Amino acid sequence: MVDSEFAWAQALRESMAKRGVSWANYRHGTMVGGSVPEAVAFMENELGYAVDVEEIGGEIYASVQSIVAAGISPMVGAVELLNVLKGSRPLAVASNGSRETVLASLRAARIPNVFDVVVGLGATSRPKPAPDLYLEACRQLNVRPADAIAIEDSFRGATAAKLAGMRVVGVGTATRVEEVSDLVVTTLMEPDLLDLLGITTTL
C-alpha cells in the first residue's frame, strides 16, 4: 500500500556504510521485500564477526521511521481502493518491517485507517518468504487463509502469501512475482483486481 522501498534502501545503505560493509555486495535488487534480520546477518558475514543485532536493528528501524516521516507516497490507487474496501471485509497488513515502522509509513503516506490488524516482524516470527506473518494476520482476523487475498509487490512477499495458502495478487514489475501470483496487475486501479475483490465501483 506504501512505496517505502526507497526508505529501507537508504536506511540499510547508511547502516552498512557506517560499518564499512559494501552496499554493492548486498545486491539489494535480490533483497526487495527482505528483512532487517537478514540484512544484519549479511553484515555479520561480511565483517566476519558477530554484531549487536538489537542495536543495529533498532538503528535501522529508527532511520526508516525518520525517512518516511519526511515524505512518502502511497501506491497508485491505494487510497481509493482502501476507501472502497472499508467496512466490507476484514483488512490487515502483514509486513517484514517492525509494527512501528509499518504504522509510521501508513501515517506518513496518509493511508486511511481501515485496517483491523497490523502484523509486523517480531522476535518469534520468521520473515517473508516464510508464511508466518500472513498466517498470524489471518489468525487475528479469524479468517481462513484459503478465503483471503494478499496483495504483494515483491517475490518474497508473494511467496509468503502463497505458502500461507492465500490467493495472491502481484502488483508492479518486481522480478519473478508472476511465478507465485494468481493475478498480476500494474496498479491497484486495474479492472481485473477490482473484479477479483468484487468491487463494481470505478476508482
N, C-alpha and C. Protein backbone atom coordinates (compact mmCIF):
# COMPACT_ATOMS: atom_id res chain seq x y z
N MET A 1 0.81 -1.21 0.00
CA MET A 1 0.00 0.00 0.00
C MET A 1 0.85 1.28 0.00
N VAL A 2 2.12 1.12 0.43
CA VAL A 2 3.00 2.28 0.54
C VAL A 2 4.31 2.01 -0.20
N ASP A 3 4.79 3.01 -0.91
CA ASP A 3 6.05 2.88 -1.65
C ASP A 3 7.21 3.22 -0.71
N SER A 4 7.60 2.25 0.13
CA SER A 4 8.60 2.53 1.17
C SER A 4 9.96 1.90 0.88
N GLU A 5 10.11 1.25 -0.27
CA GLU A 5 11.37 0.54 -0.54
C GLU A 5 12.56 1.48 -0.52
N PHE A 6 12.37 2.72 -0.99
CA PHE A 6 13.49 3.67 -1.00
C PHE A 6 13.96 3.98 0.41
N ALA A 7 13.03 4.03 1.36
CA ALA A 7 13.40 4.33 2.75
C ALA A 7 14.22 3.20 3.36
N TRP A 8 13.80 1.97 3.10
CA TRP A 8 14.55 0.82 3.60
C TRP A 8 15.93 0.77 2.96
N ALA A 9 16.01 1.03 1.66
CA ALA A 9 17.30 1.01 0.97
C ALA A 9 18.25 2.05 1.55
N GLN A 10 17.74 3.25 1.79
CA GLN A 10 18.59 4.30 2.35
C GLN A 10 19.05 3.96 3.76
N ALA A 11 18.14 3.46 4.59
CA ALA A 11 18.49 3.12 5.97
C ALA A 11 19.53 2.00 6.02
N LEU A 12 19.35 0.99 5.19
CA LEU A 12 20.29 -0.13 5.16
C LEU A 12 21.64 0.31 4.62
N ARG A 13 21.62 1.13 3.56
CA ARG A 13 22.87 1.61 2.97
C ARG A 13 23.69 2.41 4.00
N GLU A 14 23.01 3.28 4.74
CA GLU A 14 23.70 4.10 5.75
C GLU A 14 24.26 3.23 6.87
N SER A 15 23.49 2.24 7.31
CA SER A 15 23.95 1.37 8.38
C SER A 15 25.16 0.55 7.95
N MET A 16 25.13 0.07 6.72
CA MET A 16 26.26 -0.71 6.21
C MET A 16 27.49 0.16 6.03
N ALA A 17 27.31 1.35 5.49
CA ALA A 17 28.44 2.25 5.27
C ALA A 17 29.11 2.61 6.60
N LYS A 18 28.33 2.79 7.62
CA LYS A 18 28.83 3.11 8.95
C LYS A 18 29.78 2.04 9.47
N ARG A 19 29.59 0.81 9.01
CA ARG A 19 30.38 -0.32 9.49
C ARG A 19 31.36 -0.83 8.43
N GLY A 20 31.47 -0.10 7.34
CA GLY A 20 32.42 -0.47 6.30
C GLY A 20 32.00 -1.66 5.46
N VAL A 21 30.70 -1.89 5.38
CA VAL A 21 30.18 -3.00 4.60
C VAL A 21 29.71 -2.48 3.24
N SER A 22 30.07 -3.17 2.17
CA SER A 22 29.75 -2.71 0.82
C SER A 22 28.27 -2.90 0.49
N TRP A 23 27.62 -1.81 0.13
CA TRP A 23 26.23 -1.89 -0.31
C TRP A 23 26.13 -2.65 -1.62
N ALA A 24 27.12 -2.47 -2.50
CA ALA A 24 27.11 -3.16 -3.79
C ALA A 24 27.10 -4.67 -3.59
N ASN A 25 27.84 -5.15 -2.61
CA ASN A 25 27.88 -6.59 -2.35
C ASN A 25 26.54 -7.12 -1.86
N TYR A 26 25.74 -6.25 -1.26
CA TYR A 26 24.45 -6.68 -0.73
C TYR A 26 23.49 -7.09 -1.83
N ARG A 27 23.72 -6.56 -3.05
CA ARG A 27 22.86 -6.90 -4.18
C ARG A 27 21.41 -6.69 -3.82
N HIS A 28 21.09 -5.44 -3.50
CA HIS A 28 19.76 -5.12 -2.98
C HIS A 28 18.64 -5.54 -3.91
N GLY A 29 18.90 -5.58 -5.20
CA GLY A 29 17.85 -5.97 -6.14
C GLY A 29 17.27 -7.35 -5.86
N THR A 30 18.06 -8.23 -5.27
CA THR A 30 17.56 -9.56 -4.96
C THR A 30 16.94 -9.61 -3.58
N MET A 31 16.98 -8.51 -2.84
CA MET A 31 16.50 -8.50 -1.47
C MET A 31 15.25 -7.63 -1.29
N VAL A 32 14.63 -7.23 -2.37
CA VAL A 32 13.41 -6.43 -2.26
C VAL A 32 12.38 -7.21 -1.45
N GLY A 33 11.82 -6.55 -0.45
CA GLY A 33 10.89 -7.24 0.43
C GLY A 33 11.58 -8.02 1.52
N GLY A 34 12.89 -7.82 1.66
CA GLY A 34 13.67 -8.53 2.68
C GLY A 34 13.39 -8.00 4.07
N SER A 35 14.25 -8.37 5.02
CA SER A 35 14.02 -8.01 6.42
C SER A 35 15.30 -7.53 7.07
N VAL A 36 15.13 -6.83 8.19
CA VAL A 36 16.29 -6.34 8.95
C VAL A 36 17.15 -7.50 9.46
N PRO A 37 16.59 -8.57 10.02
CA PRO A 37 17.44 -9.68 10.47
C PRO A 37 18.33 -10.24 9.35
N GLU A 38 17.79 -10.32 8.13
CA GLU A 38 18.59 -10.81 7.01
C GLU A 38 19.71 -9.83 6.68
N ALA A 39 19.42 -8.54 6.72
CA ALA A 39 20.45 -7.53 6.44
C ALA A 39 21.55 -7.57 7.49
N VAL A 40 21.17 -7.73 8.75
CA VAL A 40 22.16 -7.79 9.83
C VAL A 40 23.01 -9.05 9.69
N ALA A 41 22.38 -10.17 9.33
CA ALA A 41 23.13 -11.40 9.12
C ALA A 41 24.13 -11.23 7.98
N PHE A 42 23.74 -10.49 6.93
CA PHE A 42 24.65 -10.21 5.83
C PHE A 42 25.85 -9.41 6.33
N MET A 43 25.59 -8.40 7.17
CA MET A 43 26.69 -7.60 7.72
C MET A 43 27.65 -8.47 8.52
N GLU A 44 27.11 -9.34 9.33
CA GLU A 44 27.97 -10.22 10.14
C GLU A 44 28.85 -11.09 9.24
N ASN A 45 28.26 -11.60 8.18
CA ASN A 45 29.01 -12.45 7.26
C ASN A 45 30.12 -11.66 6.57
N GLU A 46 29.82 -10.42 6.19
CA GLU A 46 30.83 -9.58 5.52
C GLU A 46 31.94 -9.17 6.48
N LEU A 47 31.57 -8.88 7.72
CA LEU A 47 32.55 -8.42 8.71
C LEU A 47 33.36 -9.57 9.30
N GLY A 48 32.77 -10.76 9.34
CA GLY A 48 33.48 -11.91 9.88
C GLY A 48 33.41 -12.04 11.38
N TYR A 49 32.50 -11.27 12.00
CA TYR A 49 32.32 -11.39 13.45
C TYR A 49 30.90 -10.98 13.81
N ALA A 50 30.49 -11.39 15.02
CA ALA A 50 29.13 -11.11 15.47
C ALA A 50 28.96 -9.62 15.80
N VAL A 51 27.77 -9.11 15.56
CA VAL A 51 27.45 -7.72 15.87
C VAL A 51 26.28 -7.69 16.84
N ASP A 52 26.00 -6.52 17.37
CA ASP A 52 24.87 -6.35 18.28
C ASP A 52 23.60 -6.24 17.44
N VAL A 53 22.89 -7.34 17.32
CA VAL A 53 21.73 -7.40 16.44
C VAL A 53 20.65 -6.40 16.86
N GLU A 54 20.38 -6.32 18.14
CA GLU A 54 19.33 -5.41 18.62
C GLU A 54 19.71 -3.95 18.37
N GLU A 55 20.97 -3.62 18.58
CA GLU A 55 21.41 -2.24 18.36
C GLU A 55 21.28 -1.84 16.90
N ILE A 56 21.78 -2.68 16.01
CA ILE A 56 21.72 -2.36 14.58
C ILE A 56 20.28 -2.38 14.08
N GLY A 57 19.50 -3.36 14.52
CA GLY A 57 18.11 -3.42 14.11
C GLY A 57 17.35 -2.18 14.55
N GLY A 58 17.56 -1.77 15.80
CA GLY A 58 16.90 -0.57 16.30
C GLY A 58 17.31 0.66 15.52
N GLU A 59 18.59 0.72 15.16
CA GLU A 59 19.11 1.85 14.40
C GLU A 59 18.44 1.93 13.02
N ILE A 60 18.32 0.78 12.36
CA ILE A 60 17.73 0.74 11.03
C ILE A 60 16.25 1.12 11.09
N TYR A 61 15.52 0.54 12.04
CA TYR A 61 14.10 0.85 12.17
C TYR A 61 13.88 2.34 12.45
N ALA A 62 14.71 2.91 13.33
CA ALA A 62 14.59 4.33 13.65
C ALA A 62 14.87 5.19 12.42
N SER A 63 15.86 4.77 11.64
CA SER A 63 16.20 5.51 10.43
C SER A 63 15.06 5.47 9.42
N VAL A 64 14.45 4.31 9.26
CA VAL A 64 13.32 4.19 8.34
C VAL A 64 12.19 5.12 8.75
N GLN A 65 11.88 5.12 10.05
CA GLN A 65 10.80 5.99 10.53
C GLN A 65 11.10 7.46 10.27
N SER A 66 12.37 7.84 10.44
CA SER A 66 12.76 9.22 10.20
C SER A 66 12.64 9.59 8.72
N ILE A 67 13.03 8.66 7.86
CA ILE A 67 12.98 8.92 6.42
C ILE A 67 11.54 9.04 5.93
N VAL A 68 10.68 8.11 6.36
CA VAL A 68 9.30 8.15 5.87
C VAL A 68 8.55 9.36 6.43
N ALA A 69 8.94 9.81 7.62
CA ALA A 69 8.29 10.98 8.20
C ALA A 69 8.52 12.22 7.35
N ALA A 70 9.64 12.22 6.60
CA ALA A 70 9.97 13.37 5.75
C ALA A 70 9.17 13.37 4.46
N GLY A 71 8.49 12.27 4.17
CA GLY A 71 7.68 12.22 2.96
C GLY A 71 7.69 10.87 2.30
N ILE A 72 6.52 10.32 2.08
CA ILE A 72 6.41 9.02 1.44
C ILE A 72 5.07 8.97 0.70
N SER A 73 5.01 8.20 -0.37
CA SER A 73 3.80 8.19 -1.20
C SER A 73 3.08 6.85 -1.12
N PRO A 74 1.76 6.89 -1.19
CA PRO A 74 1.02 5.63 -1.30
C PRO A 74 1.18 5.06 -2.70
N MET A 75 0.98 3.77 -2.85
CA MET A 75 0.96 3.19 -4.19
C MET A 75 -0.21 3.77 -4.97
N VAL A 76 -0.07 3.82 -6.27
CA VAL A 76 -1.13 4.38 -7.11
C VAL A 76 -2.43 3.59 -6.89
N GLY A 77 -3.47 4.29 -6.50
CA GLY A 77 -4.77 3.66 -6.30
C GLY A 77 -5.01 3.13 -4.91
N ALA A 78 -4.00 3.16 -4.04
CA ALA A 78 -4.13 2.55 -2.70
C ALA A 78 -5.21 3.24 -1.87
N VAL A 79 -5.18 4.56 -1.82
CA VAL A 79 -6.15 5.29 -1.00
C VAL A 79 -7.57 5.06 -1.51
N GLU A 80 -7.74 5.14 -2.81
CA GLU A 80 -9.07 4.94 -3.40
C GLU A 80 -9.58 3.53 -3.14
N LEU A 81 -8.70 2.55 -3.31
CA LEU A 81 -9.09 1.16 -3.10
C LEU A 81 -9.49 0.91 -1.65
N LEU A 82 -8.70 1.39 -0.71
CA LEU A 82 -8.99 1.17 0.70
C LEU A 82 -10.28 1.87 1.13
N ASN A 83 -10.53 3.04 0.59
CA ASN A 83 -11.78 3.73 0.93
C ASN A 83 -12.99 2.94 0.48
N VAL A 84 -12.87 2.24 -0.66
CA VAL A 84 -13.96 1.41 -1.14
C VAL A 84 -14.10 0.14 -0.31
N LEU A 85 -12.96 -0.43 0.10
CA LEU A 85 -12.98 -1.69 0.85
C LEU A 85 -13.38 -1.50 2.32
N LYS A 86 -13.24 -0.31 2.83
CA LYS A 86 -13.51 -0.05 4.25
C LYS A 86 -14.88 -0.57 4.67
N GLY A 87 -14.86 -1.43 5.69
CA GLY A 87 -16.10 -1.96 6.25
C GLY A 87 -16.71 -3.10 5.49
N SER A 88 -16.15 -3.45 4.32
CA SER A 88 -16.74 -4.50 3.50
C SER A 88 -16.22 -5.88 3.86
N ARG A 89 -15.08 -5.94 4.54
CA ARG A 89 -14.43 -7.20 4.88
C ARG A 89 -13.30 -6.92 5.86
N PRO A 90 -12.79 -7.94 6.57
CA PRO A 90 -11.64 -7.71 7.46
C PRO A 90 -10.41 -7.37 6.62
N LEU A 91 -9.62 -6.42 7.12
CA LEU A 91 -8.42 -5.97 6.40
C LEU A 91 -7.21 -6.01 7.32
N ALA A 92 -6.08 -6.40 6.77
CA ALA A 92 -4.85 -6.48 7.56
C ALA A 92 -3.65 -6.09 6.73
N VAL A 93 -2.59 -5.71 7.44
CA VAL A 93 -1.28 -5.51 6.85
C VAL A 93 -0.34 -6.53 7.48
N ALA A 94 0.47 -7.19 6.67
CA ALA A 94 1.48 -8.12 7.17
C ALA A 94 2.80 -7.74 6.53
N SER A 95 3.76 -7.29 7.34
CA SER A 95 4.98 -6.70 6.80
C SER A 95 6.24 -7.26 7.45
N ASN A 96 7.33 -7.31 6.67
CA ASN A 96 8.64 -7.69 7.21
C ASN A 96 9.25 -6.60 8.08
N GLY A 97 8.66 -5.42 8.07
CA GLY A 97 9.14 -4.35 8.93
C GLY A 97 8.60 -4.51 10.34
N SER A 98 9.12 -3.74 11.27
CA SER A 98 8.55 -3.75 12.61
C SER A 98 7.16 -3.12 12.57
N ARG A 99 6.34 -3.44 13.54
CA ARG A 99 4.98 -2.87 13.56
C ARG A 99 5.06 -1.35 13.63
N GLU A 100 6.04 -0.82 14.35
CA GLU A 100 6.17 0.63 14.49
C GLU A 100 6.51 1.28 13.16
N THR A 101 7.39 0.65 12.36
CA THR A 101 7.74 1.25 11.07
C THR A 101 6.56 1.15 10.10
N VAL A 102 5.79 0.08 10.20
CA VAL A 102 4.61 -0.05 9.35
C VAL A 102 3.62 1.06 9.66
N LEU A 103 3.32 1.26 10.93
CA LEU A 103 2.36 2.29 11.32
C LEU A 103 2.87 3.68 10.92
N ALA A 104 4.18 3.90 11.08
CA ALA A 104 4.75 5.20 10.70
C ALA A 104 4.61 5.44 9.19
N SER A 105 4.82 4.40 8.40
CA SER A 105 4.70 4.52 6.95
C SER A 105 3.26 4.79 6.54
N LEU A 106 2.32 4.09 7.16
CA LEU A 106 0.91 4.30 6.83
C LEU A 106 0.48 5.72 7.17
N ARG A 107 0.92 6.22 8.32
CA ARG A 107 0.58 7.60 8.70
C ARG A 107 1.18 8.61 7.75
N ALA A 108 2.47 8.42 7.44
CA ALA A 108 3.17 9.39 6.59
C ALA A 108 2.58 9.45 5.19
N ALA A 109 2.10 8.29 4.70
CA ALA A 109 1.52 8.25 3.35
C ALA A 109 0.03 8.60 3.36
N ARG A 110 -0.50 8.90 4.55
CA ARG A 110 -1.91 9.26 4.71
C ARG A 110 -2.84 8.16 4.20
N ILE A 111 -2.46 6.93 4.53
CA ILE A 111 -3.30 5.79 4.19
C ILE A 111 -4.50 5.78 5.14
N PRO A 112 -5.70 5.58 4.64
CA PRO A 112 -6.88 5.57 5.52
C PRO A 112 -6.74 4.53 6.63
N ASN A 113 -7.25 4.87 7.80
CA ASN A 113 -7.15 3.99 8.97
C ASN A 113 -8.27 2.95 8.90
N VAL A 114 -8.07 1.95 8.04
CA VAL A 114 -9.12 0.96 7.79
C VAL A 114 -8.73 -0.46 8.21
N PHE A 115 -7.49 -0.64 8.67
CA PHE A 115 -7.01 -1.98 8.95
C PHE A 115 -7.41 -2.45 10.35
N ASP A 116 -7.95 -3.66 10.39
CA ASP A 116 -8.33 -4.26 11.66
C ASP A 116 -7.11 -4.82 12.39
N VAL A 117 -6.10 -5.22 11.63
CA VAL A 117 -4.91 -5.85 12.19
C VAL A 117 -3.68 -5.36 11.44
N VAL A 118 -2.61 -5.08 12.18
CA VAL A 118 -1.31 -4.76 11.59
C VAL A 118 -0.28 -5.69 12.21
N VAL A 119 0.32 -6.53 11.39
CA VAL A 119 1.30 -7.51 11.86
C VAL A 119 2.67 -7.15 11.31
N GLY A 120 3.62 -6.94 12.21
CA GLY A 120 5.00 -6.68 11.82
C GLY A 120 5.88 -7.83 12.28
N LEU A 121 7.12 -7.83 11.81
CA LEU A 121 8.06 -8.88 12.16
C LEU A 121 8.42 -8.79 13.64
N GLY A 122 8.27 -9.89 14.35
CA GLY A 122 8.60 -9.93 15.77
C GLY A 122 9.70 -10.94 16.05
N ALA A 123 10.02 -11.08 17.32
CA ALA A 123 11.13 -11.94 17.73
C ALA A 123 10.87 -13.41 17.45
N THR A 124 9.60 -13.80 17.44
CA THR A 124 9.27 -15.22 17.28
C THR A 124 8.75 -15.59 15.90
N SER A 125 8.67 -14.63 15.00
CA SER A 125 8.16 -14.91 13.66
C SER A 125 9.29 -14.89 12.64
N ARG A 126 9.15 -15.69 11.62
CA ARG A 126 10.12 -15.71 10.54
C ARG A 126 9.70 -14.70 9.47
N PRO A 127 10.67 -14.03 8.85
CA PRO A 127 10.32 -13.04 7.82
C PRO A 127 9.85 -13.72 6.54
N LYS A 128 9.14 -12.97 5.72
CA LYS A 128 8.82 -13.45 4.38
C LYS A 128 10.14 -13.77 3.67
N PRO A 129 10.22 -14.85 2.92
CA PRO A 129 9.15 -15.61 2.27
C PRO A 129 8.50 -16.71 3.12
N ALA A 130 8.85 -16.84 4.39
CA ALA A 130 8.11 -17.78 5.25
C ALA A 130 6.68 -17.26 5.41
N PRO A 131 5.71 -18.12 5.63
CA PRO A 131 4.31 -17.69 5.68
C PRO A 131 3.85 -17.14 7.02
N ASP A 132 4.73 -17.09 8.02
CA ASP A 132 4.34 -16.78 9.40
C ASP A 132 3.50 -15.51 9.54
N LEU A 133 3.93 -14.43 8.91
CA LEU A 133 3.26 -13.15 9.10
C LEU A 133 1.84 -13.17 8.54
N TYR A 134 1.68 -13.80 7.40
CA TYR A 134 0.34 -13.90 6.82
C TYR A 134 -0.55 -14.84 7.62
N LEU A 135 0.02 -15.92 8.10
CA LEU A 135 -0.77 -16.83 8.92
C LEU A 135 -1.23 -16.15 10.21
N GLU A 136 -0.35 -15.34 10.79
CA GLU A 136 -0.71 -14.61 12.01
C GLU A 136 -1.79 -13.57 11.73
N ALA A 137 -1.69 -12.89 10.61
CA ALA A 137 -2.70 -11.90 10.25
C ALA A 137 -4.06 -12.57 10.07
N CYS A 138 -4.09 -13.71 9.40
CA CYS A 138 -5.35 -14.43 9.21
C CYS A 138 -5.89 -14.93 10.54
N ARG A 139 -4.99 -15.38 11.41
CA ARG A 139 -5.43 -15.85 12.73
C ARG A 139 -6.10 -14.73 13.51
N GLN A 140 -5.48 -13.56 13.50
CA GLN A 140 -6.04 -12.44 14.25
C GLN A 140 -7.34 -11.95 13.64
N LEU A 141 -7.48 -12.09 12.34
CA LEU A 141 -8.72 -11.68 11.68
C LEU A 141 -9.80 -12.75 11.79
N ASN A 142 -9.39 -13.95 12.22
CA ASN A 142 -10.31 -15.10 12.26
C ASN A 142 -10.83 -15.42 10.87
N VAL A 143 -9.89 -15.43 9.92
CA VAL A 143 -10.19 -15.71 8.52
C VAL A 143 -9.33 -16.87 8.05
N ARG A 144 -9.90 -17.82 7.33
CA ARG A 144 -9.11 -18.91 6.77
C ARG A 144 -8.22 -18.35 5.66
N PRO A 145 -6.93 -18.73 5.62
CA PRO A 145 -6.06 -18.26 4.55
C PRO A 145 -6.63 -18.54 3.15
N ALA A 146 -7.31 -19.67 3.00
CA ALA A 146 -7.87 -20.01 1.69
C ALA A 146 -8.95 -19.03 1.26
N ASP A 147 -9.51 -18.30 2.22
CA ASP A 147 -10.57 -17.33 1.92
C ASP A 147 -10.02 -15.91 1.81
N ALA A 148 -8.71 -15.77 1.93
CA ALA A 148 -8.08 -14.44 1.96
C ALA A 148 -7.32 -14.16 0.67
N ILE A 149 -7.18 -12.88 0.38
CA ILE A 149 -6.43 -12.41 -0.79
C ILE A 149 -5.29 -11.52 -0.30
N ALA A 150 -4.09 -11.81 -0.76
CA ALA A 150 -2.93 -10.99 -0.42
C ALA A 150 -2.52 -10.16 -1.64
N ILE A 151 -2.21 -8.91 -1.40
CA ILE A 151 -1.71 -8.02 -2.45
C ILE A 151 -0.25 -7.73 -2.14
N GLU A 152 0.65 -8.10 -3.05
CA GLU A 152 2.08 -8.02 -2.79
C GLU A 152 2.84 -7.39 -3.95
N ASP A 153 3.93 -6.69 -3.62
CA ASP A 153 4.75 -6.07 -4.67
C ASP A 153 6.16 -6.64 -4.71
N SER A 154 6.40 -7.80 -4.08
CA SER A 154 7.71 -8.42 -4.13
C SER A 154 7.57 -9.93 -4.24
N PHE A 155 8.58 -10.58 -4.79
CA PHE A 155 8.58 -12.03 -4.92
C PHE A 155 8.57 -12.68 -3.55
N ARG A 156 9.33 -12.14 -2.61
CA ARG A 156 9.36 -12.70 -1.26
C ARG A 156 7.98 -12.65 -0.61
N GLY A 157 7.35 -11.50 -0.71
CA GLY A 157 6.03 -11.35 -0.11
C GLY A 157 4.99 -12.23 -0.77
N ALA A 158 5.01 -12.29 -2.10
CA ALA A 158 4.06 -13.13 -2.81
C ALA A 158 4.27 -14.60 -2.49
N THR A 159 5.53 -15.01 -2.33
CA THR A 159 5.83 -16.38 -1.96
C THR A 159 5.28 -16.70 -0.58
N ALA A 160 5.44 -15.77 0.35
CA ALA A 160 4.93 -15.96 1.71
C ALA A 160 3.42 -16.17 1.71
N ALA A 161 2.72 -15.35 0.94
CA ALA A 161 1.27 -15.45 0.87
C ALA A 161 0.84 -16.77 0.24
N LYS A 162 1.54 -17.18 -0.81
CA LYS A 162 1.21 -18.44 -1.48
C LYS A 162 1.43 -19.61 -0.53
N LEU A 163 2.54 -19.60 0.22
CA LEU A 163 2.82 -20.67 1.17
C LEU A 163 1.80 -20.71 2.31
N ALA A 164 1.22 -19.55 2.61
CA ALA A 164 0.18 -19.49 3.64
C ALA A 164 -1.15 -20.05 3.14
N GLY A 165 -1.25 -20.27 1.84
CA GLY A 165 -2.48 -20.82 1.27
C GLY A 165 -3.46 -19.78 0.78
N MET A 166 -2.97 -18.56 0.55
CA MET A 166 -3.83 -17.46 0.12
C MET A 166 -3.81 -17.31 -1.39
N ARG A 167 -4.82 -16.62 -1.92
CA ARG A 167 -4.75 -16.17 -3.30
C ARG A 167 -3.86 -14.93 -3.32
N VAL A 168 -3.07 -14.81 -4.37
CA VAL A 168 -2.05 -13.77 -4.39
C VAL A 168 -2.20 -12.88 -5.62
N VAL A 169 -2.20 -11.58 -5.36
CA VAL A 169 -2.19 -10.59 -6.44
C VAL A 169 -0.84 -9.87 -6.40
N GLY A 170 -0.09 -9.98 -7.48
CA GLY A 170 1.17 -9.27 -7.58
C GLY A 170 0.95 -7.91 -8.22
N VAL A 171 1.53 -6.88 -7.64
CA VAL A 171 1.37 -5.52 -8.14
C VAL A 171 2.73 -4.97 -8.56
N GLY A 172 2.80 -4.41 -9.75
CA GLY A 172 4.03 -3.81 -10.21
C GLY A 172 4.85 -4.76 -11.06
N THR A 173 6.16 -4.50 -11.11
CA THR A 173 7.03 -5.22 -12.03
C THR A 173 8.18 -5.92 -11.32
N ALA A 174 8.00 -6.27 -10.06
CA ALA A 174 9.07 -6.94 -9.32
C ALA A 174 9.45 -8.26 -10.00
N THR A 175 10.72 -8.55 -10.00
CA THR A 175 11.23 -9.76 -10.62
C THR A 175 10.60 -11.02 -10.03
N ARG A 176 10.11 -11.89 -10.88
CA ARG A 176 9.59 -13.23 -10.55
C ARG A 176 8.26 -13.22 -9.79
N VAL A 177 7.70 -12.06 -9.54
CA VAL A 177 6.45 -12.04 -8.77
C VAL A 177 5.34 -12.81 -9.48
N GLU A 178 5.40 -12.84 -10.80
CA GLU A 178 4.36 -13.54 -11.56
C GLU A 178 4.41 -15.06 -11.34
N GLU A 179 5.56 -15.56 -10.90
CA GLU A 179 5.71 -17.00 -10.71
C GLU A 179 4.82 -17.54 -9.59
N VAL A 180 4.51 -16.70 -8.62
CA VAL A 180 3.76 -17.17 -7.45
C VAL A 180 2.46 -16.39 -7.25
N SER A 181 2.04 -15.67 -8.26
CA SER A 181 0.81 -14.87 -8.17
C SER A 181 -0.30 -15.46 -9.01
N ASP A 182 -1.52 -15.37 -8.50
CA ASP A 182 -2.68 -15.81 -9.26
C ASP A 182 -3.12 -14.75 -10.26
N LEU A 183 -2.76 -13.51 -9.97
CA LEU A 183 -3.08 -12.39 -10.84
C LEU A 183 -1.98 -11.35 -10.69
N VAL A 184 -1.56 -10.76 -11.79
CA VAL A 184 -0.56 -9.69 -11.74
C VAL A 184 -1.15 -8.45 -12.40
N VAL A 185 -1.06 -7.32 -11.69
CA VAL A 185 -1.57 -6.05 -12.22
C VAL A 185 -0.48 -4.99 -12.10
N THR A 186 -0.62 -3.95 -12.87
CA THR A 186 0.36 -2.87 -12.84
C THR A 186 0.10 -1.91 -11.69
N THR A 187 -1.19 -1.61 -11.46
CA THR A 187 -1.56 -0.71 -10.37
C THR A 187 -2.78 -1.29 -9.63
N LEU A 188 -3.12 -0.65 -8.52
CA LEU A 188 -4.26 -1.09 -7.72
C LEU A 188 -5.60 -0.63 -8.28
N MET A 189 -5.57 -0.01 -9.44
CA MET A 189 -6.79 0.52 -10.04
C MET A 189 -7.28 -0.32 -11.22
N GLU A 190 -6.63 -1.44 -11.48
CA GLU A 190 -6.96 -2.21 -12.68
C GLU A 190 -8.24 -3.03 -12.52
N PRO A 191 -9.05 -3.11 -13.56
CA PRO A 191 -10.34 -3.80 -13.50
C PRO A 191 -10.24 -5.25 -13.04
N ASP A 192 -9.20 -5.97 -13.45
CA ASP A 192 -9.07 -7.38 -13.05
C ASP A 192 -8.98 -7.52 -11.54
N LEU A 193 -8.27 -6.62 -10.88
CA LEU A 193 -8.17 -6.65 -9.42
C LEU A 193 -9.51 -6.30 -8.78
N LEU A 194 -10.15 -5.28 -9.30
CA LEU A 194 -11.45 -4.88 -8.76
C LEU A 194 -12.47 -6.01 -8.90
N ASP A 195 -12.44 -6.70 -10.02
CA ASP A 195 -13.34 -7.83 -10.23
C ASP A 195 -13.07 -8.93 -9.20
N LEU A 196 -11.81 -9.23 -8.99
CA LEU A 196 -11.44 -10.27 -8.02
C LEU A 196 -11.94 -9.91 -6.63
N LEU A 197 -11.89 -8.63 -6.29
CA LEU A 197 -12.31 -8.17 -4.98
C LEU A 197 -13.83 -7.93 -4.89
N GLY A 198 -14.52 -8.11 -6.00
CA GLY A 198 -15.96 -7.92 -6.01
C GLY A 198 -16.37 -6.47 -5.96
N ILE A 199 -15.52 -5.59 -6.49
CA ILE A 199 -15.80 -4.16 -6.48
C ILE A 199 -16.40 -3.75 -7.81
N THR A 200 -17.54 -3.13 -7.77
CA THR A 200 -18.20 -2.68 -9.01
C THR A 200 -18.00 -1.19 -9.25
N THR A 201 -17.58 -0.46 -8.20
CA THR A 201 -17.36 0.97 -8.33
C THR A 201 -16.07 1.24 -9.11
N THR A 202 -16.08 2.18 -10.01
CA THR A 202 -14.89 2.58 -10.74
C THR A 202 -14.06 3.52 -9.88
N LEU A 203 -12.79 3.20 -9.68
CA LEU A 203 -11.94 4.05 -8.84
C LEU A 203 -11.46 5.25 -9.64
